[in-house]
């Protein structure tokens, strides 16, 4: 099963069943804001290096 079809199926289930039947910890995970971590800074550094610009 591809990632796209998994996501599509997951969203269909979420829309039809909603949060009322979910475990409380699952509801909490869905409600908390997404963490952005350091991935953006790492991408910026890789792009800078790829362009040939060192520190």
C-alpha atoms as a PDB file:
ATOM      1  CA  UNK A   1       0.000   0.000   0.000  1.00  0.00           C
ATOM      2  CA  UNK A   2       1.490   3.365  -0.980  1.00  0.00           C
ATOM      3  CA  UNK A   3       1.810   6.293   1.402  1.00  0.00           C
ATOM      4  CA  UNK A   4      -0.754   8.293  -0.573  1.00  0.00           C
ATOM      5  CA  UNK A   5      -3.382   5.579  -0.326  1.00  0.00           C
ATOM      6  CA  UNK A   6      -2.689   5.163   3.395  1.00  0.00           C
ATOM      7  CA  UNK A   7      -3.135   8.874   3.986  1.00  0.00           C
ATOM      8  CA  UNK A   8      -6.321   8.921   1.937  1.00  0.00           C
ATOM      9  CA  UNK A   9      -7.768   5.983   3.890  1.00  0.00           C
ATOM     10  CA  UNK A  10      -6.705   7.492   7.215  1.00  0.00           C
ATOM     11  CA  UNK A  11      -8.420  10.796   6.446  1.00  0.00           C
ATOM     12  CA  UNK A  12     -11.580   8.988   5.313  1.00  0.00           C
ATOM     13  CA  UNK A  13     -11.722   7.115   8.618  1.00  0.00           C
ATOM     14  CA  UNK A  14     -11.037  10.295  10.587  1.00  0.00           C
ATOM     15  CA  UNK A  15     -13.839  12.138   8.785  1.00  0.00           C
ATOM     16  CA  UNK A  16     -16.423   9.400   9.239  1.00  0.00           C
ATOM     17  CA  UNK A  17     -15.621   8.323  12.793  1.00  0.00           C
ATOM     18  CA  UNK A  18     -14.331  11.583  14.201  1.00  0.00           C
ATOM     19  CA  UNK A  19     -12.603  11.980  17.529  1.00  0.00           C
ATOM     20  CA  UNK A  20     -15.472  10.844  19.752  1.00  0.00           C
ATOM     21  CA  UNK A  21     -14.490   7.192  19.399  1.00  0.00           C
ATOM     22  CA  UNK A  22     -10.751   7.739  19.660  1.00  0.00           C
ATOM     23  CA  UNK A  23      -8.560   6.977  22.633  1.00  0.00           C
ATOM     24  CA  UNK A  24      -7.863  10.112  24.739  1.00  0.00           C
ATOM     25  CA  UNK A  25      -4.133   9.993  23.982  1.00  0.00           C
ATOM     26  CA  UNK A  26      -4.858   9.908  20.248  1.00  0.00           C
ATOM     27  CA  UNK A  27      -7.116  12.948  20.567  1.00  0.00           C
ATOM     28  CA  UNK A  28      -4.342  14.774  22.473  1.00  0.00           C
ATOM     29  CA  UNK A  29      -1.789  14.026  19.756  1.00  0.00           C
ATOM     30  CA  UNK A  30      -4.119  15.351  17.070  1.00  0.00           C
ATOM     31  CA  UNK A  31      -4.749  18.564  18.975  1.00  0.00           C
ATOM     32  CA  UNK A  32      -1.185  19.493  19.854  1.00  0.00           C
ATOM     33  CA  UNK A  33       0.656  21.823  17.477  1.00  0.00           C
ATOM     34  CA  UNK A  34       3.127  20.353  15.009  1.00  0.00           C
ATOM     35  CA  UNK A  35       6.743  20.606  16.098  1.00  0.00           C
ATOM     36  CA  UNK A  36       9.069  22.018  13.498  1.00  0.00           C
ATOM     37  CA  UNK A  37      12.383  20.943  15.001  1.00  0.00           C
ATOM     38  CA  UNK A  38      15.694  21.834  13.372  1.00  0.00           C
ATOM     39  CA  UNK A  39      14.885  20.388   9.941  1.00  0.00           C
ATOM     40  CA  UNK A  40      14.450  23.804   8.349  1.00  0.00           C
ATOM     41  CA  UNK A  41      17.862  25.053   9.481  1.00  0.00           C
ATOM     42  CA  UNK A  42      19.488  21.844   8.282  1.00  0.00           C
ATOM     43  CA  UNK A  43      17.881  22.283   4.868  1.00  0.00           C
ATOM     44  CA  UNK A  44      19.157  25.861   4.688  1.00  0.00           C
ATOM     45  CA  UNK A  45      22.686  24.700   5.483  1.00  0.00           C
ATOM     46  CA  UNK A  46      22.586  21.913   2.897  1.00  0.00           C
ATOM     47  CA  UNK A  47      21.293  24.329   0.254  1.00  0.00           C
ATOM     48  CA  UNK A  48      24.045  26.836   1.066  1.00  0.00           C
ATOM     49  CA  UNK A  49      26.720  24.147   0.787  1.00  0.00           C
ATOM     50  CA  UNK A  50      25.194  22.850  -2.462  1.00  0.00           C
ATOM     51  CA  UNK A  51      25.447  26.347  -3.934  1.00  0.00           C
ATOM     52  CA  UNK A  52      29.141  26.318  -3.086  1.00  0.00           C
ATOM     53  CA  UNK A  53      29.072  28.779  -0.218  1.00  0.00           C
ATOM     54  CA  UNK A  54      31.033  27.622   2.796  1.00  0.00           C
ATOM     55  CA  UNK A  55      30.640  28.996   6.322  1.00  0.00           C
END
